[in-house]
C-alpha atoms as a PDB file:
ATOM      1  CA  UNK A   1      77.043 197.382  -7.798  1.00  0.00           C
ATOM      2  CA  UNK A   2      79.809 195.535  -9.461  1.00  0.00           C
ATOM      3  CA  UNK A   3      83.479 196.469 -10.212  1.00  0.00           C
ATOM      4  CA  UNK A   4      84.935 195.974 -13.754  1.00  0.00           C
ATOM      5  CA  UNK A   5      86.873 192.769 -12.273  1.00  0.00           C
ATOM      6  CA  UNK A   6      83.498 191.308 -10.758  1.00  0.00           C
ATOM      7  CA  UNK A   7      83.305 188.531 -13.264  1.00  0.00           C
ATOM      8  CA  UNK A   8      87.016 187.325 -12.609  1.00  0.00           C
ATOM      9  CA  UNK A   9      86.560 187.767  -8.759  1.00  0.00           C
ATOM     10  CA  UNK A  10      83.187 185.926  -8.817  1.00  0.00           C
ATOM     11  CA  UNK A  11      84.794 182.823 -10.581  1.00  0.00           C
ATOM     12  CA  UNK A  12      87.521 182.487  -7.840  1.00  0.00           C
ATOM     13  CA  UNK A  13      86.661 184.240  -4.659  1.00  0.00           C
ATOM     14  CA  UNK A  14      84.250 183.987  -1.809  1.00  0.00           C
ATOM     15  CA  UNK A  15      82.165 187.183  -2.394  1.00  0.00           C
ATOM     16  CA  UNK A  16      80.362 189.446   0.042  1.00  0.00           C
ATOM     17  CA  UNK A  17      78.582 192.816  -0.004  1.00  0.00           C
ATOM     18  CA  UNK A  18      80.375 195.944   1.097  1.00  0.00           C
ATOM     19  CA  UNK A  19      78.872 199.430   0.893  1.00  0.00           C
ATOM     20  CA  UNK A  20      76.671 198.384  -1.874  1.00  0.00           C
ATOM     21  CA  UNK A  21      79.319 196.697  -3.751  1.00  0.00           C
ATOM     22  CA  UNK A  22      79.752 192.856  -4.523  1.00  0.00           C
ATOM     23  CA  UNK A  23      83.388 192.250  -3.479  1.00  0.00           C
ATOM     24  CA  UNK A  24      85.808 189.467  -3.010  1.00  0.00           C
ATOM     25  CA  UNK A  25      86.461 188.477   0.586  1.00  0.00           C
ATOM     26  CA  UNK A  26      89.213 185.676  -0.120  1.00  0.00           C
ATOM     27  CA  UNK A  27      90.122 183.530  -2.795  1.00  0.00           C
ATOM     28  CA  UNK A  28      88.919 179.823  -2.303  1.00  0.00           C
ATOM     29  CA  UNK A  29      91.851 177.887  -4.009  1.00  0.00           C
ATOM     30  CA  UNK A  30      94.484 179.321  -1.835  1.00  0.00           C
ATOM     31  CA  UNK A  31      92.944 180.130   1.541  1.00  0.00           C
ATOM     32  CA  UNK A  32      93.260 183.233   3.663  1.00  0.00           C
ATOM     33  CA  UNK A  33      96.667 182.379   5.130  1.00  0.00           C
ATOM     34  CA  UNK A  34      98.240 181.582   1.716  1.00  0.00           C
ATOM     35  CA  UNK A  35      96.893 184.654   0.337  1.00  0.00           C
ATOM     36  CA  UNK A  36      98.259 186.813   3.032  1.00  0.00           C
ATOM     37  CA  UNK A  37     101.613 185.076   2.795  1.00  0.00           C
ATOM     38  CA  UNK A  38     101.546 185.678  -0.981  1.00  0.00           C
ATOM     39  CA  UNK A  39     101.027 189.359  -0.664  1.00  0.00           C
ATOM     40  CA  UNK A  40     103.486 189.929   2.151  1.00  0.00           C
ATOM     41  CA  UNK A  41     106.284 187.945   0.359  1.00  0.00           C
ATOM     42  CA  UNK A  42     105.439 188.834  -3.303  1.00  0.00           C
ATOM     43  CA  UNK A  43     102.629 191.261  -4.338  1.00  0.00           C
ATOM     44  CA  UNK A  44      99.048 191.625  -4.533  1.00  0.00           C
ATOM     45  CA  UNK A  45      96.371 193.726  -6.681  1.00  0.00           C
ATOM     46  CA  UNK A  46      93.634 195.555  -4.771  1.00  0.00           C
ATOM     47  CA  UNK A  47      90.579 196.738  -6.990  1.00  0.00           C
ATOM     48  CA  UNK A  48      89.805 200.214  -5.882  1.00  0.00           C
ATOM     49  CA  UNK A  49      86.848 200.617  -8.131  1.00  0.00           C
ATOM     50  CA  UNK A  50      84.408 200.769  -5.199  1.00  0.00           C
ATOM     51  CA  UNK A  51      86.409 203.394  -3.351  1.00  0.00           C
ATOM     52  CA  UNK A  52      85.652 207.107  -3.131  1.00  0.00           C
ATOM     53  CA  UNK A  53      87.749 209.465  -5.207  1.00  0.00           C
ATOM     54  CA  UNK A  54      87.972 213.177  -4.681  1.00  0.00           C
ATOM     55  CA  UNK A  55      89.984 215.777  -6.701  1.00  0.00           C
ATOM     56  CA  UNK A  56      90.969 218.939  -4.453  1.00  0.00           C
ATOM     57  CA  UNK A  57      92.405 221.630  -6.423  1.00  0.00           C
ATOM     58  CA  UNK A  58      93.083 225.539  -6.139  1.00  0.00           C
ATOM     59  CA  UNK A  59      95.651 227.927  -4.989  1.00  0.00           C
ATOM     60  CA  UNK A  60      94.997 227.042  -1.414  1.00  0.00           C
ATOM     61  CA  UNK A  61      94.557 223.079  -2.048  1.00  0.00           C
ATOM     62  CA  UNK A  62      97.767 222.233  -0.370  1.00  0.00           C
ATOM     63  CA  UNK A  63      97.327 224.361   2.661  1.00  0.00           C
ATOM     64  CA  UNK A  64      93.936 223.000   2.988  1.00  0.00           C
ATOM     65  CA  UNK A  65      94.882 219.360   2.912  1.00  0.00           C
ATOM     66  CA  UNK A  66      97.607 219.975   5.320  1.00  0.00           C
ATOM     67  CA  UNK A  67      94.792 221.155   7.804  1.00  0.00           C
ATOM     68  CA  UNK A  68      92.932 217.924   7.555  1.00  0.00           C
ATOM     69  CA  UNK A  69      95.514 215.176   7.189  1.00  0.00           C
ATOM     70  CA  UNK A  70      98.319 214.002   9.406  1.00  0.00           C
ATOM     71  CA  UNK A  71     101.061 214.179   6.746  1.00  0.00           C
ATOM     72  CA  UNK A  72     102.891 217.042   5.264  1.00  0.00           C
ATOM     73  CA  UNK A  73     101.450 217.045   1.768  1.00  0.00           C
ATOM     74  CA  UNK A  74     103.945 219.723   0.593  1.00  0.00           C
ATOM     75  CA  UNK A  75     106.715 217.134   0.950  1.00  0.00           C
ATOM     76  CA  UNK A  76     105.083 214.965  -1.678  1.00  0.00           C
ATOM     77  CA  UNK A  77     106.801 215.124  -5.141  1.00  0.00           C
ATOM     78  CA  UNK A  78     104.551 215.500  -8.261  1.00  0.00           C
ATOM     79  CA  UNK A  79     102.989 212.253  -9.393  1.00  0.00           C
ATOM     80  CA  UNK A  80     103.643 210.699  -6.124  1.00  0.00           C
ATOM     81  CA  UNK A  81     101.318 209.430  -3.524  1.00  0.00           C
ATOM     82  CA  UNK A  82     101.195 208.904   0.184  1.00  0.00           C
ATOM     83  CA  UNK A  83      99.237 207.122   2.668  1.00  0.00           C
ATOM     84  CA  UNK A  84      97.629 209.310   5.455  1.00  0.00           C
ATOM     85  CA  UNK A  85      94.503 209.890   7.461  1.00  0.00           C
ATOM     86  CA  UNK A  86      91.813 212.505   7.356  1.00  0.00           C
ATOM     87  CA  UNK A  87      91.682 213.874  10.873  1.00  0.00           C
ATOM     88  CA  UNK A  88      88.708 215.444  12.845  1.00  0.00           C
ATOM     89  CA  UNK A  89      88.986 218.646  14.723  1.00  0.00           C
ATOM     90  CA  UNK A  90      90.376 217.007  17.832  1.00  0.00           C
ATOM     91  CA  UNK A  91      92.945 214.881  15.927  1.00  0.00           C
ATOM     92  CA  UNK A  92      90.957 211.807  15.707  1.00  0.00           C
ATOM     93  CA  UNK A  93      91.015 209.640  12.678  1.00  0.00           C
ATOM     94  CA  UNK A  94      88.032 210.015  10.401  1.00  0.00           C
ATOM     95  CA  UNK A  95      89.315 207.626   7.496  1.00  0.00           C
ATOM     96  CA  UNK A  96      92.553 206.425   6.044  1.00  0.00           C
ATOM     97  CA  UNK A  97      93.388 207.724   2.696  1.00  0.00           C
ATOM     98  CA  UNK A  98      95.874 207.743  -0.155  1.00  0.00           C
ATOM     99  CA  UNK A  99      96.670 211.345  -1.625  1.00  0.00           C
ATOM    100  CA  UNK A 100      98.581 211.848  -4.822  1.00  0.00           C
ATOM    101  CA  UNK A 101     100.139 215.365  -5.723  1.00  0.00           C
ATOM    102  CA  UNK A 102      99.243 215.600  -9.535  1.00  0.00           C
ATOM    103  CA  UNK A 103     101.590 216.983 -12.097  1.00  0.00           C
ATOM    104  CA  UNK A 104      99.181 220.032 -12.587  1.00  0.00           C
ATOM    105  CA  UNK A 105      99.888 222.739  -9.999  1.00  0.00           C
ATOM    106  CA  UNK A 106      97.894 222.662  -6.875  1.00  0.00           C
ATOM    107  CA  UNK A 107      95.795 219.461  -8.027  1.00  0.00           C
ATOM    108  CA  UNK A 108      95.519 216.523  -5.606  1.00  0.00           C
ATOM    109  CA  UNK A 109      93.804 213.105  -6.282  1.00  0.00           C
ATOM    110  CA  UNK A 110      92.437 211.358  -3.001  1.00  0.00           C
ATOM    111  CA  UNK A 111      91.251 207.911  -2.578  1.00  0.00           C
ATOM    112  CA  UNK A 112      89.331 207.033   0.497  1.00  0.00           C
ATOM    113  CA  UNK A 113      86.994 204.267   1.632  1.00  0.00           C
ATOM    114  CA  UNK A 114      83.751 204.022  -0.422  1.00  0.00           C
ATOM    115  CA  UNK A 115      81.569 203.434   2.570  1.00  0.00           C
ATOM    116  CA  UNK A 116      82.631 206.955   3.805  1.00  0.00           C
ATOM    117  CA  UNK A 117      82.013 208.882   0.595  1.00  0.00           C
ATOM    118  CA  UNK A 118      79.217 211.026   1.430  1.00  0.00           C
ATOM    119  CA  UNK A 119      80.153 211.704   5.100  1.00  0.00           C
ATOM    120  CA  UNK A 120      83.695 212.649   4.020  1.00  0.00           C
ATOM    121  CA  UNK A 121      82.328 214.816   1.238  1.00  0.00           C
ATOM    122  CA  UNK A 122      80.053 216.724   3.456  1.00  0.00           C
ATOM    123  CA  UNK A 123      82.901 217.025   6.075  1.00  0.00           C
ATOM    124  CA  UNK A 124      85.363 218.519   3.568  1.00  0.00           C
ATOM    125  CA  UNK A 125      82.717 220.943   2.307  1.00  0.00           C
ATOM    126  CA  UNK A 126      81.729 222.031   5.835  1.00  0.00           C
ATOM    127  CA  UNK A 127      85.457 222.415   6.691  1.00  0.00           C
ATOM    128  CA  UNK A 128      86.068 224.267   3.595  1.00  0.00           C
ATOM    129  CA  UNK A 129      83.123 226.805   4.223  1.00  0.00           C
ATOM    130  CA  UNK A 130      84.330 227.107   8.093  1.00  0.00           C
ATOM    131  CA  UNK A 131      87.790 228.059   6.885  1.00  0.00           C
ATOM    132  CA  UNK A 132      86.380 230.787   4.342  1.00  0.00           C
END
């Protein structure tokens, strides 16, 4: 699969396959170290088209998310996002994620690793059923 930025990436980057997506590994003109320094000292753009996206909503959405992540979601302001982790039942890390509290009451937008899409979805569904 290809992201909307594939043509631009493929003209400038060393490409590789990741979870079925053709993705840039590094940009050949600058090299890995120069690219790293540019992002640390200025900014970078990360194409998340290949990543998994979930909407979690409902009257217990915030409470549910607070059970499966290691960040207090209630402390996020509306239209703000925070970096955190999905945790398993023993407190181990399942995946790193970004959670955004939307303007709409009790709606959350989650971005996690594309390779984990099915695994995370099934895990959230089973956890939700277990809590019911």
